Amino acid sequence: MQNETNPRTCGVMEGKLPGSCAPMVFPYIPMQENSPQTYSQQEGLQNGTLFPGLNLPFFRGLKTRFQCDNQALCELMALDFAITELGLYLDTHRGDKDAFALFSNYVRLYREGKEKYEKQYGPLQQANTAAGGSYAWLSDPWPWDVEGGKA
C-alpha cells in the first residue's frame, strides 16, 4: 500500500518520478575515435554537428534549412559553429593533431572574415562597438536592411 509514510519502492528496472515509478531509459552515446571524418563547416551548421558519426538518424526529421541572403554572414556563422564543435572535440581528444590543425585554420579564417565583414557591414557584437570613440551598435543600416549587400 502506497502513502506518504510508506511510498512505493520502485523496481530494479524503474526510476522514481514524482508520485510514480517509470521504466528506466538507457541512453546511447556514440564515442568518437581520433581523427574522425568531418563535414565542411557549412554542412556541419546545417546538420547540427561537424561529425557525420554523431549525425544520428532521428535528427533528419528535425533539420531545417535556412535561406542564406548574406553569404559572408552565413560563412562566419558556419566557421563559428565548426570552431565550437572542434573545440568540444579537442576537449576530449587533445592529442589529435589533424583536428587541431583544422581548428587553427578555421580560427584564422574566422578572424579574417570577421574583420572584412565588420569593415563592410559594421560590428557583429556589442563589444566591438567601442572603436571610434562612440557607441555605434544601433547605427543604421544593419546588414539585413541593405539590399544586395550594399548600402
N, C-alpha and C. Protein backbone atom coordinates (compact mmCIF):
# COMPACT_ATOMS: atom_id res chain seq x y z
N MET A 1 0.83 -1.18 0.00
CA MET A 1 0.00 0.00 0.00
C MET A 1 0.88 1.24 0.00
N GLN A 2 0.52 2.24 -0.85
CA GLN A 2 1.35 3.43 -1.00
C GLN A 2 0.70 4.61 -0.29
N ASN A 3 1.46 5.27 0.57
CA ASN A 3 1.03 6.53 1.19
C ASN A 3 2.28 7.35 1.49
N GLU A 4 2.09 8.53 2.05
CA GLU A 4 3.23 9.41 2.28
C GLU A 4 4.23 8.85 3.27
N THR A 5 3.77 8.06 4.23
CA THR A 5 4.71 7.49 5.19
C THR A 5 5.33 6.20 4.67
N ASN A 6 4.73 5.57 3.66
CA ASN A 6 5.23 4.34 3.09
C ASN A 6 5.17 4.44 1.55
N PRO A 7 6.06 5.27 0.95
CA PRO A 7 6.00 5.44 -0.51
C PRO A 7 6.35 4.14 -1.22
N ARG A 8 5.81 3.99 -2.43
CA ARG A 8 6.08 2.80 -3.23
C ARG A 8 7.57 2.73 -3.56
N THR A 9 8.14 1.57 -3.44
CA THR A 9 9.53 1.36 -3.81
C THR A 9 9.57 0.95 -5.27
N CYS A 10 10.37 1.65 -6.05
CA CYS A 10 10.48 1.33 -7.47
C CYS A 10 11.31 0.06 -7.65
N GLY A 11 10.99 -0.69 -8.70
CA GLY A 11 11.72 -1.91 -9.01
C GLY A 11 13.11 -1.62 -9.56
N VAL A 12 13.88 -2.69 -9.76
CA VAL A 12 15.25 -2.57 -10.25
C VAL A 12 15.31 -1.88 -11.61
N MET A 13 14.35 -2.14 -12.49
CA MET A 13 14.36 -1.56 -13.84
C MET A 13 13.46 -0.32 -13.95
N GLU A 14 13.23 0.36 -12.82
CA GLU A 14 12.38 1.54 -12.80
C GLU A 14 13.12 2.71 -12.16
N GLY A 15 12.75 3.91 -12.60
CA GLY A 15 13.26 5.13 -12.00
C GLY A 15 12.14 5.85 -11.27
N LYS A 16 12.47 6.64 -10.28
CA LYS A 16 11.45 7.31 -9.46
C LYS A 16 11.05 8.63 -10.12
N LEU A 17 9.77 8.82 -10.30
CA LEU A 17 9.18 10.06 -10.76
C LEU A 17 8.31 10.59 -9.64
N PRO A 18 7.96 11.88 -9.64
CA PRO A 18 7.07 12.37 -8.59
C PRO A 18 5.75 11.60 -8.59
N GLY A 19 5.48 10.86 -7.53
CA GLY A 19 4.23 10.14 -7.39
C GLY A 19 4.15 8.80 -8.10
N SER A 20 5.18 8.39 -8.82
CA SER A 20 5.11 7.10 -9.52
C SER A 20 6.50 6.61 -9.89
N CYS A 21 6.52 5.41 -10.46
CA CYS A 21 7.75 4.83 -10.97
C CYS A 21 7.62 4.74 -12.49
N ALA A 22 8.73 4.71 -13.20
CA ALA A 22 8.70 4.62 -14.66
C ALA A 22 9.85 3.74 -15.12
N PRO A 23 9.69 3.11 -16.31
CA PRO A 23 10.78 2.28 -16.84
C PRO A 23 12.05 3.10 -17.01
N MET A 24 13.18 2.49 -16.74
CA MET A 24 14.47 3.15 -16.92
C MET A 24 14.78 3.27 -18.40
N VAL A 25 15.51 4.30 -18.74
CA VAL A 25 15.96 4.52 -20.11
C VAL A 25 17.47 4.35 -20.13
N PHE A 26 17.97 3.70 -21.14
CA PHE A 26 19.40 3.52 -21.30
C PHE A 26 19.85 4.29 -22.53
N PRO A 27 20.48 5.45 -22.34
CA PRO A 27 20.88 6.26 -23.48
C PRO A 27 22.07 5.64 -24.22
N TYR A 28 22.15 5.97 -25.50
CA TYR A 28 23.28 5.56 -26.32
C TYR A 28 24.09 6.81 -26.61
N ILE A 29 25.36 6.78 -26.27
CA ILE A 29 26.24 7.90 -26.54
C ILE A 29 27.38 7.39 -27.41
N PRO A 30 27.41 7.78 -28.69
CA PRO A 30 28.48 7.31 -29.56
C PRO A 30 29.82 7.89 -29.12
N MET A 31 30.85 7.07 -29.12
CA MET A 31 32.19 7.51 -28.75
C MET A 31 32.96 7.85 -30.01
N GLN A 32 33.63 8.97 -29.99
CA GLN A 32 34.41 9.39 -31.15
C GLN A 32 35.81 8.81 -31.09
N GLU A 33 36.27 8.36 -32.22
CA GLU A 33 37.65 7.91 -32.34
C GLU A 33 38.52 9.13 -32.65
N ASN A 34 39.83 8.97 -32.61
CA ASN A 34 40.73 10.05 -33.03
C ASN A 34 40.62 10.23 -34.53
N SER A 35 40.83 11.44 -34.98
CA SER A 35 40.80 11.83 -36.41
C SER A 35 39.51 11.40 -37.10
N PRO A 36 38.34 11.78 -36.56
CA PRO A 36 37.09 11.39 -37.22
C PRO A 36 36.87 12.18 -38.49
N GLN A 37 36.05 11.64 -39.37
CA GLN A 37 35.65 12.34 -40.58
C GLN A 37 34.84 13.57 -40.17
N THR A 38 34.94 14.66 -40.93
CA THR A 38 34.18 15.86 -40.64
C THR A 38 33.46 16.36 -41.88
N TYR A 39 32.33 17.03 -41.65
CA TYR A 39 31.65 17.75 -42.72
C TYR A 39 32.39 19.06 -42.96
N SER A 40 32.08 19.73 -44.07
CA SER A 40 32.55 21.10 -44.23
C SER A 40 31.83 21.94 -43.18
N GLN A 41 32.33 23.13 -42.90
CA GLN A 41 31.69 23.94 -41.87
C GLN A 41 30.24 24.28 -42.24
N GLN A 42 29.93 24.47 -43.55
CA GLN A 42 28.55 24.75 -43.94
C GLN A 42 27.65 23.54 -43.70
N GLU A 43 28.12 22.35 -44.09
CA GLU A 43 27.34 21.13 -43.86
C GLU A 43 27.16 20.87 -42.36
N GLY A 44 28.20 21.17 -41.58
CA GLY A 44 28.12 20.99 -40.14
C GLY A 44 27.04 21.87 -39.53
N LEU A 45 26.99 23.13 -39.95
CA LEU A 45 25.97 24.05 -39.45
C LEU A 45 24.58 23.55 -39.82
N GLN A 46 24.41 23.06 -41.04
CA GLN A 46 23.10 22.57 -41.48
C GLN A 46 22.70 21.28 -40.78
N ASN A 47 23.68 20.43 -40.46
CA ASN A 47 23.38 19.14 -39.82
C ASN A 47 23.34 19.21 -38.30
N GLY A 48 23.83 20.29 -37.72
CA GLY A 48 23.84 20.40 -36.27
C GLY A 48 25.01 19.69 -35.62
N THR A 49 25.93 19.19 -36.42
CA THR A 49 27.15 18.56 -35.91
C THR A 49 28.19 18.61 -37.02
N LEU A 50 29.44 18.74 -36.64
CA LEU A 50 30.53 18.74 -37.60
C LEU A 50 30.95 17.31 -37.95
N PHE A 51 30.50 16.35 -37.15
CA PHE A 51 30.96 14.98 -37.29
C PHE A 51 29.85 14.06 -37.81
N PRO A 52 30.01 13.48 -39.01
CA PRO A 52 28.99 12.58 -39.55
C PRO A 52 28.66 11.43 -38.60
N GLY A 53 29.62 10.96 -37.83
CA GLY A 53 29.37 9.86 -36.90
C GLY A 53 28.43 10.22 -35.77
N LEU A 54 28.24 11.52 -35.53
CA LEU A 54 27.31 11.96 -34.49
C LEU A 54 25.99 12.46 -35.08
N ASN A 55 25.86 12.39 -36.38
CA ASN A 55 24.64 12.83 -37.06
C ASN A 55 23.64 11.67 -37.01
N LEU A 56 22.91 11.59 -35.92
CA LEU A 56 22.02 10.46 -35.68
C LEU A 56 20.78 10.53 -36.58
N PRO A 57 20.28 9.36 -37.01
CA PRO A 57 19.18 9.31 -37.99
C PRO A 57 17.92 10.08 -37.58
N PHE A 58 17.57 10.11 -36.30
CA PHE A 58 16.34 10.79 -35.92
C PHE A 58 16.43 12.31 -36.07
N PHE A 59 17.65 12.85 -36.19
CA PHE A 59 17.77 14.28 -36.40
C PHE A 59 17.36 14.69 -37.81
N ARG A 60 17.34 13.76 -38.76
CA ARG A 60 16.97 14.11 -40.13
C ARG A 60 15.60 14.77 -40.19
N GLY A 61 14.67 14.29 -39.38
CA GLY A 61 13.33 14.86 -39.36
C GLY A 61 13.27 16.23 -38.71
N LEU A 62 14.29 16.61 -37.93
CA LEU A 62 14.28 17.88 -37.23
C LEU A 62 15.02 18.98 -37.96
N LYS A 63 15.79 18.63 -38.96
CA LYS A 63 16.62 19.61 -39.63
C LYS A 63 15.80 20.63 -40.40
N THR A 64 16.24 21.86 -40.35
CA THR A 64 15.65 22.89 -41.18
C THR A 64 16.78 23.59 -41.91
N ARG A 65 16.49 23.97 -43.11
CA ARG A 65 17.47 24.73 -43.91
C ARG A 65 17.05 26.19 -43.88
N PHE A 66 18.02 27.06 -43.85
CA PHE A 66 17.66 28.47 -43.84
C PHE A 66 18.20 29.15 -45.09
N GLN A 67 17.46 30.16 -45.52
CA GLN A 67 17.85 30.94 -46.69
C GLN A 67 19.07 31.77 -46.30
N CYS A 68 20.07 31.75 -47.12
CA CYS A 68 21.29 32.49 -46.84
C CYS A 68 21.38 33.67 -47.79
N ASP A 69 20.86 34.81 -47.34
CA ASP A 69 20.88 36.00 -48.19
C ASP A 69 22.22 36.72 -48.13
N ASN A 70 22.92 36.64 -47.02
CA ASN A 70 24.20 37.30 -46.86
C ASN A 70 25.26 36.21 -46.74
N GLN A 71 25.91 35.90 -47.85
CA GLN A 71 26.86 34.79 -47.89
C GLN A 71 28.01 34.98 -46.90
N ALA A 72 28.48 36.20 -46.75
CA ALA A 72 29.59 36.46 -45.82
C ALA A 72 29.18 36.16 -44.38
N LEU A 73 27.97 36.56 -43.99
CA LEU A 73 27.49 36.30 -42.64
C LEU A 73 27.27 34.80 -42.43
N CYS A 74 26.71 34.12 -43.42
CA CYS A 74 26.49 32.67 -43.30
C CYS A 74 27.81 31.92 -43.19
N GLU A 75 28.82 32.37 -43.90
CA GLU A 75 30.13 31.74 -43.80
C GLU A 75 30.72 31.93 -42.41
N LEU A 76 30.57 33.13 -41.84
CA LEU A 76 31.05 33.36 -40.48
C LEU A 76 30.30 32.50 -39.47
N MET A 77 28.99 32.36 -39.64
CA MET A 77 28.21 31.51 -38.74
C MET A 77 28.68 30.06 -38.84
N ALA A 78 28.94 29.59 -40.06
CA ALA A 78 29.40 28.22 -40.25
C ALA A 78 30.78 28.01 -39.64
N LEU A 79 31.68 28.97 -39.82
CA LEU A 79 33.01 28.86 -39.23
C LEU A 79 32.93 28.88 -37.70
N ASP A 80 32.11 29.76 -37.15
CA ASP A 80 31.95 29.82 -35.70
C ASP A 80 31.41 28.50 -35.15
N PHE A 81 30.43 27.92 -35.86
CA PHE A 81 29.89 26.63 -35.45
C PHE A 81 30.97 25.55 -35.48
N ALA A 82 31.75 25.51 -36.57
CA ALA A 82 32.80 24.49 -36.71
C ALA A 82 33.88 24.66 -35.63
N ILE A 83 34.22 25.90 -35.29
CA ILE A 83 35.21 26.16 -34.25
C ILE A 83 34.71 25.64 -32.90
N THR A 84 33.44 25.89 -32.60
CA THR A 84 32.86 25.41 -31.35
C THR A 84 32.85 23.89 -31.31
N GLU A 85 32.41 23.24 -32.39
CA GLU A 85 32.36 21.78 -32.45
C GLU A 85 33.76 21.17 -32.30
N LEU A 86 34.72 21.72 -33.03
CA LEU A 86 36.08 21.19 -32.92
C LEU A 86 36.66 21.44 -31.53
N GLY A 87 36.33 22.59 -30.93
CA GLY A 87 36.79 22.86 -29.57
C GLY A 87 36.26 21.84 -28.59
N LEU A 88 34.98 21.48 -28.72
CA LEU A 88 34.41 20.45 -27.85
C LEU A 88 35.08 19.10 -28.08
N TYR A 89 35.35 18.78 -29.34
CA TYR A 89 36.03 17.52 -29.67
C TYR A 89 37.44 17.52 -29.05
N LEU A 90 38.14 18.65 -29.20
CA LEU A 90 39.51 18.72 -28.68
C LEU A 90 39.56 18.66 -27.15
N ASP A 91 38.46 19.01 -26.49
CA ASP A 91 38.42 18.87 -25.03
C ASP A 91 38.63 17.42 -24.61
N THR A 92 38.19 16.48 -25.45
CA THR A 92 38.31 15.05 -25.11
C THR A 92 39.34 14.33 -25.96
N HIS A 93 39.89 14.99 -26.98
CA HIS A 93 40.88 14.37 -27.87
C HIS A 93 42.03 15.36 -28.09
N ARG A 94 42.62 15.78 -27.00
CA ARG A 94 43.64 16.83 -27.01
C ARG A 94 44.82 16.54 -27.96
N GLY A 95 45.17 15.28 -28.14
CA GLY A 95 46.33 14.94 -28.95
C GLY A 95 46.06 14.79 -30.44
N ASP A 96 44.85 15.03 -30.90
CA ASP A 96 44.51 14.86 -32.32
C ASP A 96 45.05 16.06 -33.11
N LYS A 97 46.21 15.87 -33.72
CA LYS A 97 46.90 16.95 -34.43
C LYS A 97 46.12 17.43 -35.66
N ASP A 98 45.47 16.50 -36.37
CA ASP A 98 44.69 16.89 -37.55
C ASP A 98 43.52 17.78 -37.15
N ALA A 99 42.83 17.42 -36.08
CA ALA A 99 41.70 18.23 -35.62
C ALA A 99 42.19 19.60 -35.15
N PHE A 100 43.33 19.65 -34.48
CA PHE A 100 43.85 20.93 -34.02
C PHE A 100 44.26 21.80 -35.20
N ALA A 101 44.85 21.19 -36.23
CA ALA A 101 45.22 21.96 -37.42
C ALA A 101 43.97 22.55 -38.10
N LEU A 102 42.91 21.75 -38.20
CA LEU A 102 41.66 22.22 -38.79
C LEU A 102 41.06 23.33 -37.91
N PHE A 103 41.08 23.15 -36.59
CA PHE A 103 40.60 24.17 -35.65
C PHE A 103 41.36 25.47 -35.85
N SER A 104 42.69 25.40 -35.90
CA SER A 104 43.52 26.59 -36.06
C SER A 104 43.24 27.29 -37.39
N ASN A 105 43.05 26.51 -38.45
CA ASN A 105 42.74 27.08 -39.76
C ASN A 105 41.39 27.79 -39.74
N TYR A 106 40.38 27.17 -39.12
CA TYR A 106 39.06 27.79 -39.04
C TYR A 106 39.09 29.06 -38.20
N VAL A 107 39.87 29.08 -37.12
CA VAL A 107 40.00 30.28 -36.30
C VAL A 107 40.62 31.41 -37.13
N ARG A 108 41.65 31.09 -37.89
CA ARG A 108 42.29 32.10 -38.75
C ARG A 108 41.30 32.63 -39.79
N LEU A 109 40.59 31.73 -40.46
CA LEU A 109 39.61 32.14 -41.47
C LEU A 109 38.50 32.98 -40.85
N TYR A 110 38.05 32.61 -39.64
CA TYR A 110 37.00 33.35 -38.95
C TYR A 110 37.48 34.77 -38.64
N ARG A 111 38.67 34.90 -38.11
CA ARG A 111 39.19 36.23 -37.76
C ARG A 111 39.32 37.12 -38.99
N GLU A 112 39.86 36.55 -40.08
CA GLU A 112 39.99 37.31 -41.32
C GLU A 112 38.62 37.70 -41.87
N GLY A 113 37.70 36.76 -41.90
CA GLY A 113 36.37 37.02 -42.43
C GLY A 113 35.61 38.02 -41.58
N LYS A 114 35.74 37.92 -40.27
CA LYS A 114 35.05 38.85 -39.37
C LYS A 114 35.57 40.27 -39.56
N GLU A 115 36.88 40.42 -39.72
CA GLU A 115 37.46 41.74 -39.94
C GLU A 115 36.92 42.35 -41.24
N LYS A 116 36.89 41.57 -42.30
CA LYS A 116 36.36 42.06 -43.58
C LYS A 116 34.87 42.39 -43.46
N TYR A 117 34.13 41.51 -42.80
CA TYR A 117 32.69 41.72 -42.66
C TYR A 117 32.39 43.00 -41.89
N GLU A 118 33.10 43.21 -40.78
CA GLU A 118 32.83 44.38 -39.95
C GLU A 118 33.24 45.67 -40.65
N LYS A 119 34.25 45.63 -41.51
CA LYS A 119 34.62 46.82 -42.28
C LYS A 119 33.50 47.19 -43.25
N GLN A 120 32.85 46.17 -43.82
CA GLN A 120 31.80 46.41 -44.80
C GLN A 120 30.44 46.69 -44.16
N TYR A 121 30.07 45.93 -43.12
CA TYR A 121 28.72 46.00 -42.57
C TYR A 121 28.62 46.60 -41.18
N GLY A 122 29.71 46.66 -40.44
CA GLY A 122 29.65 47.15 -39.07
C GLY A 122 29.87 46.01 -38.09
N PRO A 123 29.87 46.34 -36.79
CA PRO A 123 30.21 45.35 -35.77
C PRO A 123 29.20 44.22 -35.66
N LEU A 124 29.71 43.01 -35.39
CA LEU A 124 28.88 41.83 -35.16
C LEU A 124 28.45 41.69 -33.71
N GLN A 125 29.22 42.26 -32.81
CA GLN A 125 28.95 42.14 -31.38
C GLN A 125 29.07 43.51 -30.73
N GLN A 126 28.32 43.72 -29.66
CA GLN A 126 28.38 44.99 -28.96
C GLN A 126 29.78 45.30 -28.46
N ALA A 127 30.54 44.29 -28.08
CA ALA A 127 31.89 44.51 -27.57
C ALA A 127 32.78 45.17 -28.62
N ASN A 128 32.41 45.07 -29.89
CA ASN A 128 33.23 45.64 -30.96
C ASN A 128 32.79 47.05 -31.35
N THR A 129 31.91 47.68 -30.58
CA THR A 129 31.39 48.99 -30.95
C THR A 129 32.13 50.14 -30.31
N ALA A 130 33.06 49.87 -29.42
CA ALA A 130 33.76 50.93 -28.71
C ALA A 130 34.78 51.65 -29.58
N ALA A 131 35.19 51.06 -30.69
CA ALA A 131 36.17 51.70 -31.56
C ALA A 131 35.58 52.97 -32.16
N GLY A 132 36.39 53.98 -32.34
CA GLY A 132 35.94 55.21 -32.95
C GLY A 132 35.43 56.24 -31.97
N GLY A 133 35.46 55.95 -30.68
CA GLY A 133 35.12 56.95 -29.68
C GLY A 133 33.65 57.15 -29.41
N SER A 134 32.77 56.36 -30.05
CA SER A 134 31.34 56.50 -29.76
C SER A 134 30.67 55.13 -29.83
N TYR A 135 29.46 55.07 -29.28
CA TYR A 135 28.70 53.82 -29.26
C TYR A 135 27.95 53.70 -30.58
N ALA A 136 28.32 52.71 -31.40
CA ALA A 136 27.77 52.61 -32.75
C ALA A 136 26.89 51.40 -32.97
N TRP A 137 26.49 50.69 -31.90
CA TRP A 137 25.77 49.43 -32.06
C TRP A 137 24.45 49.61 -32.80
N LEU A 138 23.70 50.64 -32.51
CA LEU A 138 22.39 50.82 -33.13
C LEU A 138 22.43 51.69 -34.38
N SER A 139 23.59 51.96 -34.92
CA SER A 139 23.69 52.76 -36.14
C SER A 139 23.13 52.01 -37.33
N ASP A 140 22.40 52.71 -38.16
CA ASP A 140 21.83 52.12 -39.38
C ASP A 140 22.78 52.34 -40.54
N PRO A 141 22.69 51.57 -41.61
CA PRO A 141 21.81 50.43 -41.79
C PRO A 141 22.43 49.16 -41.23
N TRP A 142 21.58 48.23 -40.79
CA TRP A 142 22.03 46.91 -40.37
C TRP A 142 22.19 46.05 -41.61
N PRO A 143 22.98 44.99 -41.54
CA PRO A 143 23.21 44.16 -42.74
C PRO A 143 21.93 43.68 -43.41
N TRP A 144 20.89 43.34 -42.65
CA TRP A 144 19.66 42.85 -43.26
C TRP A 144 18.79 43.97 -43.82
N ASP A 145 19.16 45.23 -43.51
CA ASP A 145 18.45 46.37 -44.08
C ASP A 145 19.03 46.79 -45.42
N VAL A 146 20.13 46.19 -45.82
CA VAL A 146 20.85 46.59 -47.01
C VAL A 146 20.48 45.65 -48.15
N GLU A 147 19.96 46.19 -49.23
CA GLU A 147 19.61 45.34 -50.38
C GLU A 147 20.86 45.02 -51.17
N GLY A 148 21.00 43.76 -51.55
CA GLY A 148 22.13 43.31 -52.37
C GLY A 148 23.46 43.43 -51.67
N GLY A 149 23.44 43.64 -50.35
CA GLY A 149 24.69 43.71 -49.60
C GLY A 149 25.38 45.05 -49.68
N LYS A 150 24.73 46.08 -50.27
CA LYS A 150 25.35 47.41 -50.38
C LYS A 150 24.39 48.46 -49.85
N ALA A 151 24.92 49.40 -49.08
CA ALA A 151 24.09 50.47 -48.51
C ALA A 151 23.71 51.49 -49.55
